[in-house]
Amino acid sequence: MSSLRRALLVAGKTKINLENCHFITGINYNGLSVKQLQELRGILREHTNTKLLVAKNTLVYKALEGTKWESLKPCMKGMNAWIFVQSEDIPAALKTFVNFQKEKKLFDNNLGGAVFEEKLYAPQDYKVIETMPSRSDVYNMMLGSLHWPALDLVNTLQAPPASENETVASVS
């Protein structure tokens, strides 16, 4: 396969991975074997609807140009594999990678910068994202906070009316 054809294929894969993408990050894959990359790709896809793409930084940047992911450019240094999280459960995807990294003792293969909601995050900011609740958890918390006041109102409205003697006795 010619290098031009390969470059077009990578750019096309990157564009496809950007569809419905919620989060992009790079990992330093220097020293990872092909078997380890395939295993990581399978684990990410199976557990978190996440895609892993190994591609040259320039090709990925060309695909990101003019999109909301363009701010990832400063992170495009060294040998990177790109993680495209295509679900809203970003903390689970990050935890899956970190667990894989610990299990395989790959401490040189750290996450690089990331883009989430058009904002660039440095690796030290990942703790904020890792501890962030998923969208469904946020919805459950919101519904719970709306549920109790409404339930109290319904209970108050359904309570039997107090007789006048009880009201006078409680006031005096």
N, C-alpha and C. Protein backbone atom coordinates (compact mmCIF):
# COMPACT_ATOMS: atom_id res chain seq x y z
N MET A 1 0.85 -1.17 0.00
CA MET A 1 0.00 0.00 0.00
C MET A 1 0.90 1.24 0.00
N SER A 2 0.58 2.18 -0.83
CA SER A 2 1.40 3.39 -0.93
C SER A 2 1.22 4.25 0.33
N SER A 3 2.18 5.10 0.57
CA SER A 3 2.12 5.94 1.76
C SER A 3 0.97 6.95 1.67
N LEU A 4 0.68 7.43 0.48
CA LEU A 4 -0.45 8.36 0.33
C LEU A 4 -1.76 7.66 0.64
N ARG A 5 -1.90 6.45 0.15
CA ARG A 5 -3.13 5.68 0.39
C ARG A 5 -3.28 5.38 1.89
N ARG A 6 -2.16 5.04 2.54
CA ARG A 6 -2.17 4.76 3.98
C ARG A 6 -2.55 6.02 4.75
N ALA A 7 -2.02 7.18 4.34
CA ALA A 7 -2.33 8.45 5.01
C ALA A 7 -3.81 8.79 4.87
N LEU A 8 -4.37 8.58 3.70
CA LEU A 8 -5.79 8.83 3.50
C LEU A 8 -6.65 7.88 4.33
N LEU A 9 -6.21 6.65 4.46
CA LEU A 9 -6.94 5.68 5.27
C LEU A 9 -6.95 6.10 6.74
N VAL A 10 -5.79 6.54 7.25
CA VAL A 10 -5.70 6.99 8.65
C VAL A 10 -6.55 8.23 8.87
N ALA A 11 -6.49 9.18 7.93
CA ALA A 11 -7.31 10.40 8.07
C ALA A 11 -8.79 10.04 8.07
N GLY A 12 -9.18 9.10 7.24
CA GLY A 12 -10.59 8.66 7.20
C GLY A 12 -11.00 7.99 8.50
N LYS A 13 -10.12 7.12 9.04
CA LYS A 13 -10.42 6.47 10.32
C LYS A 13 -10.55 7.50 11.44
N THR A 14 -9.67 8.51 11.41
CA THR A 14 -9.74 9.56 12.43
C THR A 14 -11.05 10.31 12.34
N LYS A 15 -11.47 10.67 11.14
CA LYS A 15 -12.75 11.37 10.96
C LYS A 15 -13.91 10.51 11.45
N ILE A 16 -13.87 9.22 11.16
CA ILE A 16 -14.94 8.32 11.63
C ILE A 16 -14.95 8.25 13.15
N ASN A 17 -13.77 8.18 13.76
CA ASN A 17 -13.69 8.12 15.22
C ASN A 17 -14.15 9.41 15.89
N LEU A 18 -14.07 10.52 15.17
CA LEU A 18 -14.52 11.80 15.73
C LEU A 18 -16.04 11.89 15.83
N GLU A 19 -16.74 11.11 15.01
CA GLU A 19 -18.20 11.13 15.06
C GLU A 19 -18.65 10.59 16.41
N ASN A 20 -19.52 11.29 17.08
CA ASN A 20 -20.05 10.92 18.39
C ASN A 20 -18.97 10.79 19.46
N CYS A 21 -17.86 11.47 19.26
CA CYS A 21 -16.76 11.42 20.22
C CYS A 21 -17.00 12.47 21.31
N HIS A 22 -16.71 12.09 22.56
CA HIS A 22 -16.91 13.00 23.69
C HIS A 22 -15.58 13.43 24.32
N PHE A 23 -14.51 12.68 24.03
CA PHE A 23 -13.24 12.90 24.71
C PHE A 23 -12.12 12.28 23.86
N ILE A 24 -11.02 13.00 23.71
CA ILE A 24 -9.85 12.47 23.00
C ILE A 24 -8.62 12.69 23.86
N THR A 25 -7.79 11.66 23.93
CA THR A 25 -6.51 11.78 24.61
C THR A 25 -5.47 10.96 23.87
N GLY A 26 -4.23 11.30 24.10
CA GLY A 26 -3.13 10.54 23.52
C GLY A 26 -2.38 9.80 24.60
N ILE A 27 -1.81 8.66 24.23
CA ILE A 27 -0.94 7.93 25.16
C ILE A 27 0.40 7.73 24.47
N ASN A 28 1.45 7.78 25.25
CA ASN A 28 2.78 7.50 24.74
C ASN A 28 2.88 5.99 24.60
N TYR A 29 2.96 5.50 23.36
CA TYR A 29 2.99 4.06 23.18
C TYR A 29 4.39 3.53 22.93
N ASN A 30 5.41 4.33 23.12
CA ASN A 30 6.78 3.89 22.93
C ASN A 30 7.07 2.70 23.86
N GLY A 31 7.48 1.59 23.29
CA GLY A 31 7.80 0.42 24.08
C GLY A 31 6.66 -0.58 24.21
N LEU A 32 5.47 -0.22 23.77
CA LEU A 32 4.36 -1.16 23.80
C LEU A 32 4.47 -2.10 22.61
N SER A 33 4.23 -3.37 22.85
CA SER A 33 4.26 -4.33 21.74
C SER A 33 2.94 -4.27 20.98
N VAL A 34 2.94 -4.84 19.79
CA VAL A 34 1.72 -4.89 18.98
C VAL A 34 0.66 -5.69 19.73
N LYS A 35 1.06 -6.75 20.39
CA LYS A 35 0.12 -7.58 21.15
C LYS A 35 -0.53 -6.77 22.28
N GLN A 36 0.27 -5.96 22.98
CA GLN A 36 -0.27 -5.14 24.07
C GLN A 36 -1.22 -4.08 23.52
N LEU A 37 -0.89 -3.47 22.39
CA LEU A 37 -1.78 -2.48 21.78
C LEU A 37 -3.10 -3.14 21.35
N GLN A 38 -3.03 -4.34 20.80
CA GLN A 38 -4.25 -5.04 20.40
C GLN A 38 -5.09 -5.40 21.62
N GLU A 39 -4.43 -5.82 22.68
CA GLU A 39 -5.15 -6.15 23.91
C GLU A 39 -5.83 -4.91 24.50
N LEU A 40 -5.10 -3.81 24.55
CA LEU A 40 -5.67 -2.55 25.05
C LEU A 40 -6.84 -2.11 24.18
N ARG A 41 -6.68 -2.21 22.87
CA ARG A 41 -7.76 -1.84 21.95
C ARG A 41 -9.02 -2.67 22.23
N GLY A 42 -8.84 -3.97 22.44
CA GLY A 42 -9.98 -4.84 22.73
C GLY A 42 -10.65 -4.52 24.05
N ILE A 43 -9.85 -4.29 25.08
CA ILE A 43 -10.40 -3.98 26.40
C ILE A 43 -11.18 -2.67 26.37
N LEU A 44 -10.61 -1.65 25.72
CA LEU A 44 -11.29 -0.36 25.65
C LEU A 44 -12.60 -0.48 24.87
N ARG A 45 -12.58 -1.18 23.76
CA ARG A 45 -13.78 -1.32 22.94
C ARG A 45 -14.86 -2.11 23.69
N GLU A 46 -14.44 -3.17 24.36
CA GLU A 46 -15.38 -4.05 25.05
C GLU A 46 -16.05 -3.38 26.25
N HIS A 47 -15.27 -2.67 27.04
CA HIS A 47 -15.79 -2.14 28.31
C HIS A 47 -16.36 -0.73 28.22
N THR A 48 -15.88 0.08 27.27
CA THR A 48 -16.25 1.49 27.35
C THR A 48 -16.60 2.15 26.02
N ASN A 49 -16.79 1.40 24.95
CA ASN A 49 -17.09 1.98 23.64
C ASN A 49 -16.07 3.05 23.28
N THR A 50 -14.81 2.66 23.37
CA THR A 50 -13.69 3.55 23.12
C THR A 50 -12.82 2.97 22.02
N LYS A 51 -12.33 3.83 21.13
CA LYS A 51 -11.49 3.38 20.02
C LYS A 51 -10.05 3.82 20.27
N LEU A 52 -9.11 2.97 19.87
CA LEU A 52 -7.69 3.28 19.97
C LEU A 52 -7.13 3.29 18.55
N LEU A 53 -6.45 4.36 18.20
CA LEU A 53 -5.87 4.52 16.87
C LEU A 53 -4.40 4.88 16.99
N VAL A 54 -3.55 4.10 16.35
CA VAL A 54 -2.13 4.41 16.29
C VAL A 54 -1.89 5.09 14.96
N ALA A 55 -1.46 6.35 15.00
CA ALA A 55 -1.27 7.11 13.77
C ALA A 55 -0.25 8.21 14.00
N LYS A 56 0.32 8.69 12.92
CA LYS A 56 1.26 9.80 13.01
C LYS A 56 0.52 11.05 13.48
N ASN A 57 1.20 11.82 14.30
CA ASN A 57 0.61 13.04 14.84
C ASN A 57 0.14 14.00 13.74
N THR A 58 0.93 14.13 12.69
CA THR A 58 0.56 15.07 11.63
C THR A 58 -0.73 14.65 10.94
N LEU A 59 -0.91 13.35 10.76
CA LEU A 59 -2.14 12.88 10.10
C LEU A 59 -3.36 13.11 10.99
N VAL A 60 -3.19 12.86 12.28
CA VAL A 60 -4.30 13.08 13.21
C VAL A 60 -4.62 14.57 13.27
N TYR A 61 -3.58 15.41 13.31
CA TYR A 61 -3.83 16.85 13.38
C TYR A 61 -4.55 17.34 12.13
N LYS A 62 -4.18 16.84 10.98
CA LYS A 62 -4.87 17.24 9.74
C LYS A 62 -6.35 16.91 9.83
N ALA A 63 -6.69 15.77 10.42
CA ALA A 63 -8.09 15.39 10.56
C ALA A 63 -8.81 16.26 11.59
N LEU A 64 -8.07 16.73 12.60
CA LEU A 64 -8.67 17.54 13.67
C LEU A 64 -8.79 19.02 13.31
N GLU A 65 -8.03 19.45 12.31
CA GLU A 65 -8.03 20.86 11.92
C GLU A 65 -9.44 21.34 11.60
N GLY A 66 -9.78 22.48 12.19
CA GLY A 66 -11.08 23.08 11.94
C GLY A 66 -12.22 22.46 12.73
N THR A 67 -11.91 21.56 13.66
CA THR A 67 -12.95 20.94 14.49
C THR A 67 -12.79 21.43 15.92
N LYS A 68 -13.70 21.04 16.77
CA LYS A 68 -13.62 21.43 18.19
C LYS A 68 -12.48 20.72 18.92
N TRP A 69 -11.82 19.78 18.25
CA TRP A 69 -10.74 19.02 18.86
C TRP A 69 -9.36 19.60 18.52
N GLU A 70 -9.33 20.68 17.78
CA GLU A 70 -8.09 21.26 17.29
C GLU A 70 -7.14 21.69 18.41
N SER A 71 -7.66 21.98 19.59
CA SER A 71 -6.81 22.43 20.69
C SER A 71 -5.87 21.33 21.20
N LEU A 72 -5.98 20.13 20.66
CA LEU A 72 -5.12 19.02 21.05
C LEU A 72 -3.71 19.13 20.46
N LYS A 73 -3.50 20.07 19.56
CA LYS A 73 -2.23 20.20 18.83
C LYS A 73 -0.99 20.23 19.73
N PRO A 74 -0.98 20.97 20.87
CA PRO A 74 0.24 20.99 21.69
C PRO A 74 0.63 19.62 22.24
N CYS A 75 -0.27 18.67 22.24
CA CYS A 75 0.01 17.34 22.78
C CYS A 75 0.57 16.39 21.74
N MET A 76 0.72 16.85 20.53
CA MET A 76 1.14 15.98 19.44
C MET A 76 2.65 15.97 19.29
N LYS A 77 3.29 15.37 20.29
CA LYS A 77 4.73 15.23 20.30
C LYS A 77 5.06 13.80 20.70
N GLY A 78 6.04 13.23 20.08
CA GLY A 78 6.44 11.87 20.43
C GLY A 78 5.58 10.83 19.74
N MET A 79 5.69 9.61 20.21
CA MET A 79 4.94 8.49 19.62
C MET A 79 3.63 8.32 20.36
N ASN A 80 2.54 8.68 19.72
CA ASN A 80 1.23 8.66 20.37
C ASN A 80 0.29 7.67 19.73
N ALA A 81 -0.52 7.09 20.58
CA ALA A 81 -1.72 6.38 20.14
C ALA A 81 -2.87 7.23 20.66
N TRP A 82 -3.95 7.28 19.92
CA TRP A 82 -5.04 8.19 20.25
C TRP A 82 -6.25 7.42 20.72
N ILE A 83 -6.79 7.86 21.85
CA ILE A 83 -7.98 7.23 22.44
C ILE A 83 -9.17 8.14 22.18
N PHE A 84 -10.19 7.60 21.52
CA PHE A 84 -11.41 8.33 21.21
C PHE A 84 -12.53 7.71 22.05
N VAL A 85 -13.00 8.42 23.07
CA VAL A 85 -14.07 7.92 23.93
C VAL A 85 -15.39 8.33 23.29
N GLN A 86 -16.18 7.32 22.89
CA GLN A 86 -17.41 7.59 22.16
C GLN A 86 -18.65 7.33 23.00
N SER A 87 -18.47 7.36 24.30
CA SER A 87 -19.62 7.29 25.20
C SER A 87 -19.47 8.43 26.21
N GLU A 88 -20.49 8.65 26.98
CA GLU A 88 -20.43 9.73 27.95
C GLU A 88 -19.79 9.31 29.26
N ASP A 89 -19.42 8.04 29.37
CA ASP A 89 -18.79 7.56 30.59
C ASP A 89 -17.27 7.63 30.46
N ILE A 90 -16.76 8.84 30.45
CA ILE A 90 -15.33 9.09 30.26
C ILE A 90 -14.51 8.56 31.43
N PRO A 91 -14.96 8.73 32.68
CA PRO A 91 -14.16 8.19 33.79
C PRO A 91 -13.91 6.68 33.67
N ALA A 92 -14.90 5.94 33.18
CA ALA A 92 -14.71 4.50 33.03
C ALA A 92 -13.63 4.18 32.00
N ALA A 93 -13.59 4.94 30.92
CA ALA A 93 -12.56 4.72 29.90
C ALA A 93 -11.17 5.01 30.46
N LEU A 94 -11.05 6.11 31.21
CA LEU A 94 -9.76 6.43 31.80
C LEU A 94 -9.33 5.39 32.82
N LYS A 95 -10.27 4.94 33.63
CA LYS A 95 -9.95 3.92 34.64
C LYS A 95 -9.56 2.60 33.97
N THR A 96 -10.20 2.28 32.85
CA THR A 96 -9.85 1.06 32.12
C THR A 96 -8.40 1.12 31.65
N PHE A 97 -8.00 2.26 31.09
CA PHE A 97 -6.61 2.41 30.65
C PHE A 97 -5.65 2.34 31.83
N VAL A 98 -5.95 3.07 32.90
CA VAL A 98 -5.06 3.10 34.07
C VAL A 98 -4.92 1.70 34.67
N ASN A 99 -6.03 0.95 34.74
CA ASN A 99 -5.96 -0.43 35.26
C ASN A 99 -5.10 -1.31 34.36
N PHE A 100 -5.24 -1.17 33.04
CA PHE A 100 -4.42 -1.91 32.09
C PHE A 100 -2.95 -1.55 32.29
N GLN A 101 -2.68 -0.28 32.45
CA GLN A 101 -1.31 0.21 32.64
C GLN A 101 -0.70 -0.40 33.91
N LYS A 102 -1.46 -0.42 35.00
CA LYS A 102 -0.96 -1.00 36.26
C LYS A 102 -0.76 -2.50 36.14
N GLU A 103 -1.73 -3.17 35.52
CA GLU A 103 -1.66 -4.62 35.38
C GLU A 103 -0.44 -5.05 34.57
N LYS A 104 -0.13 -4.32 33.52
CA LYS A 104 0.99 -4.67 32.64
C LYS A 104 2.30 -3.98 33.04
N LYS A 105 2.23 -3.18 34.10
CA LYS A 105 3.40 -2.43 34.59
C LYS A 105 4.02 -1.58 33.48
N LEU A 106 3.17 -0.80 32.83
CA LEU A 106 3.58 0.08 31.73
C LEU A 106 3.64 1.52 32.20
N PHE A 107 4.51 1.81 33.12
CA PHE A 107 4.51 3.12 33.75
C PHE A 107 5.12 4.22 32.87
N ASP A 108 5.77 3.84 31.77
CA ASP A 108 6.31 4.85 30.84
C ASP A 108 5.27 5.28 29.81
N ASN A 109 4.15 4.60 29.77
CA ASN A 109 3.12 4.86 28.76
C ASN A 109 1.97 5.63 29.37
N ASN A 110 2.24 6.88 29.70
CA ASN A 110 1.25 7.71 30.36
C ASN A 110 0.32 8.40 29.37
N LEU A 111 -0.81 8.82 29.90
CA LEU A 111 -1.74 9.62 29.12
C LEU A 111 -1.13 10.99 28.88
N GLY A 112 -1.33 11.51 27.69
CA GLY A 112 -0.88 12.86 27.37
C GLY A 112 -2.02 13.83 27.62
N GLY A 113 -2.00 14.93 26.95
CA GLY A 113 -3.09 15.89 27.09
C GLY A 113 -4.38 15.34 26.49
N ALA A 114 -5.48 15.99 26.82
CA ALA A 114 -6.78 15.55 26.34
C ALA A 114 -7.66 16.75 26.05
N VAL A 115 -8.67 16.52 25.25
CA VAL A 115 -9.67 17.56 24.98
C VAL A 115 -11.02 17.00 25.39
N PHE A 116 -11.71 17.80 26.21
CA PHE A 116 -13.06 17.46 26.67
C PHE A 116 -13.85 18.76 26.67
N GLU A 117 -14.99 18.74 25.98
CA GLU A 117 -15.85 19.92 25.85
C GLU A 117 -15.04 21.13 25.36
N GLU A 118 -14.23 20.90 24.35
CA GLU A 118 -13.43 21.92 23.67
C GLU A 118 -12.36 22.56 24.56
N LYS A 119 -12.06 21.95 25.69
CA LYS A 119 -11.04 22.47 26.59
C LYS A 119 -9.88 21.48 26.66
N LEU A 120 -8.67 22.00 26.61
CA LEU A 120 -7.47 21.17 26.70
C LEU A 120 -7.15 20.90 28.17
N TYR A 121 -6.94 19.63 28.49
CA TYR A 121 -6.58 19.22 29.85
C TYR A 121 -5.17 18.66 29.85
N ALA A 122 -4.37 19.09 30.79
CA ALA A 122 -3.03 18.54 30.97
C ALA A 122 -3.14 17.23 31.74
N PRO A 123 -2.14 16.36 31.66
CA PRO A 123 -2.21 15.07 32.37
C PRO A 123 -2.49 15.20 33.87
N GLN A 124 -1.99 16.26 34.51
CA GLN A 124 -2.23 16.41 35.95
C GLN A 124 -3.69 16.77 36.25
N ASP A 125 -4.45 17.18 35.25
CA ASP A 125 -5.86 17.52 35.44
C ASP A 125 -6.78 16.32 35.28
N TYR A 126 -6.23 15.16 34.99
CA TYR A 126 -7.06 13.97 34.74
C TYR A 126 -7.84 13.53 35.97
N LYS A 127 -7.30 13.81 37.16
CA LYS A 127 -8.01 13.39 38.38
C LYS A 127 -9.40 14.01 38.43
N VAL A 128 -9.53 15.23 37.94
CA VAL A 128 -10.84 15.89 37.90
C VAL A 128 -11.79 15.09 37.01
N ILE A 129 -11.29 14.67 35.87
CA ILE A 129 -12.13 13.94 34.92
C ILE A 129 -12.40 12.52 35.41
N GLU A 130 -11.39 11.88 36.02
CA GLU A 130 -11.57 10.51 36.51
C GLU A 130 -12.62 10.44 37.62
N THR A 131 -12.72 11.47 38.45
CA THR A 131 -13.66 11.45 39.57
C THR A 131 -15.01 12.04 39.21
N MET A 132 -15.14 12.52 37.99
CA MET A 132 -16.38 13.13 37.53
C MET A 132 -17.47 12.04 37.43
N PRO A 133 -18.68 12.32 37.91
CA PRO A 133 -19.75 11.32 37.78
C PRO A 133 -20.19 11.22 36.32
N SER A 134 -20.71 10.07 35.96
CA SER A 134 -21.22 9.90 34.60
C SER A 134 -22.51 10.70 34.44
N ARG A 135 -22.91 10.89 33.21
CA ARG A 135 -24.12 11.67 32.93
C ARG A 135 -25.35 11.01 33.58
N SER A 136 -25.42 9.69 33.54
CA SER A 136 -26.57 9.01 34.16
C SER A 136 -26.57 9.21 35.67
N ASP A 137 -25.38 9.23 36.30
CA ASP A 137 -25.31 9.50 37.74
C ASP A 137 -25.79 10.91 38.06
N VAL A 138 -25.41 11.87 37.23
CA VAL A 138 -25.85 13.26 37.43
C VAL A 138 -27.37 13.35 37.31
N TYR A 139 -27.92 12.68 36.29
CA TYR A 139 -29.38 12.68 36.12
C TYR A 139 -30.07 12.06 37.33
N ASN A 140 -29.52 10.97 37.84
CA ASN A 140 -30.10 10.32 39.02
C ASN A 140 -30.06 11.24 40.23
N MET A 141 -28.95 11.97 40.40
CA MET A 141 -28.85 12.91 41.53
C MET A 141 -29.87 14.04 41.38
N MET A 142 -30.03 14.53 40.15
CA MET A 142 -30.99 15.61 39.91
C MET A 142 -32.41 15.13 40.17
N LEU A 143 -32.74 13.95 39.69
CA LEU A 143 -34.09 13.42 39.92
C LEU A 143 -34.33 13.18 41.40
N GLY A 144 -33.30 12.70 42.10
CA GLY A 144 -33.44 12.49 43.54
C GLY A 144 -33.68 13.80 44.28
N SER A 145 -32.97 14.84 43.87
CA SER A 145 -33.15 16.13 44.55
C SER A 145 -34.51 16.74 44.23
N LEU A 146 -35.08 16.42 43.09
CA LEU A 146 -36.42 16.91 42.75
C LEU A 146 -37.51 16.04 43.38
N HIS A 147 -37.20 14.79 43.61
CA HIS A 147 -38.18 13.83 44.13
C HIS A 147 -38.64 14.17 45.55
N TRP A 148 -37.70 14.43 46.45
CA TRP A 148 -38.07 14.60 47.86
C TRP A 148 -38.93 15.84 48.12
N PRO A 149 -38.63 17.00 47.58
CA PRO A 149 -39.53 18.14 47.82
C PRO A 149 -40.93 17.89 47.25
N ALA A 150 -41.00 17.27 46.10
CA ALA A 150 -42.32 16.97 45.51
C ALA A 150 -43.07 15.98 46.38
N LEU A 151 -42.37 14.97 46.90
CA LEU A 151 -43.02 13.98 47.77
C LEU A 151 -43.52 14.64 49.06
N ASP A 152 -42.74 15.56 49.63
CA ASP A 152 -43.18 16.29 50.83
C ASP A 152 -44.43 17.12 50.55
N LEU A 153 -44.48 17.76 49.40
CA LEU A 153 -45.64 18.56 49.02
C LEU A 153 -46.88 17.67 48.87
N VAL A 154 -46.73 16.52 48.21
CA VAL A 154 -47.86 15.60 48.04
C VAL A 154 -48.34 15.11 49.39
N ASN A 155 -47.43 14.76 50.29
CA ASN A 155 -47.82 14.29 51.62
C ASN A 155 -48.55 15.38 52.40
N THR A 156 -48.11 16.61 52.27
CA THR A 156 -48.77 17.72 52.95
C THR A 156 -50.18 17.94 52.41
N LEU A 157 -50.31 17.88 51.10
CA LEU A 157 -51.62 18.07 50.48
C LEU A 157 -52.58 16.93 50.78
N GLN A 158 -52.06 15.73 50.96
CA GLN A 158 -52.91 14.56 51.22
C GLN A 158 -53.17 14.34 52.70
N ALA A 159 -52.54 15.09 53.57
CA ALA A 159 -52.74 14.93 55.01
C ALA A 159 -54.17 15.31 55.37
N PRO A 160 -54.75 14.59 56.31
CA PRO A 160 -56.12 14.93 56.71
C PRO A 160 -56.15 16.30 57.36
N PRO A 161 -57.20 17.05 57.11
CA PRO A 161 -57.27 18.39 57.72
C PRO A 161 -57.36 18.28 59.24
N ALA A 162 -56.68 19.16 59.92
CA ALA A 162 -56.70 19.17 61.37
C ALA A 162 -58.01 19.79 61.83
N SER A 163 -58.58 19.23 62.90
CA SER A 163 -59.82 19.80 63.42
C SER A 163 -59.50 21.11 64.13
N GLU A 164 -60.50 21.93 64.31
CA GLU A 164 -60.29 23.24 64.93
C GLU A 164 -59.81 23.11 66.35
N ASN A 165 -60.28 22.08 67.09
CA ASN A 165 -59.85 21.88 68.49
C ASN A 165 -58.34 21.58 68.57
N GLU A 166 -57.83 20.74 67.61
CA GLU A 166 -56.40 20.42 67.63
C GLU A 166 -55.56 21.64 67.29
N THR A 167 -56.05 22.46 66.38
CA THR A 167 -55.32 23.66 65.98
C THR A 167 -55.26 24.65 67.13
N VAL A 168 -56.39 24.86 67.85
CA VAL A 168 -56.43 25.78 68.97
C VAL A 168 -55.57 25.26 70.10
N ALA A 169 -55.60 23.95 70.36
CA ALA A 169 -54.81 23.38 71.45
C ALA A 169 -53.32 23.51 71.16
N SER A 170 -52.93 23.35 69.91
CA SER A 170 -51.49 23.43 69.60
C SER A 170 -51.01 24.87 69.63
N VAL A 171 -51.87 25.86 69.38
CA VAL A 171 -51.46 27.24 69.41
C VAL A 171 -51.30 27.72 70.85
N SER A 172 -52.18 27.28 71.78
CA SER A 172 -52.13 27.78 73.15
C SER A 172 -51.04 27.18 73.96
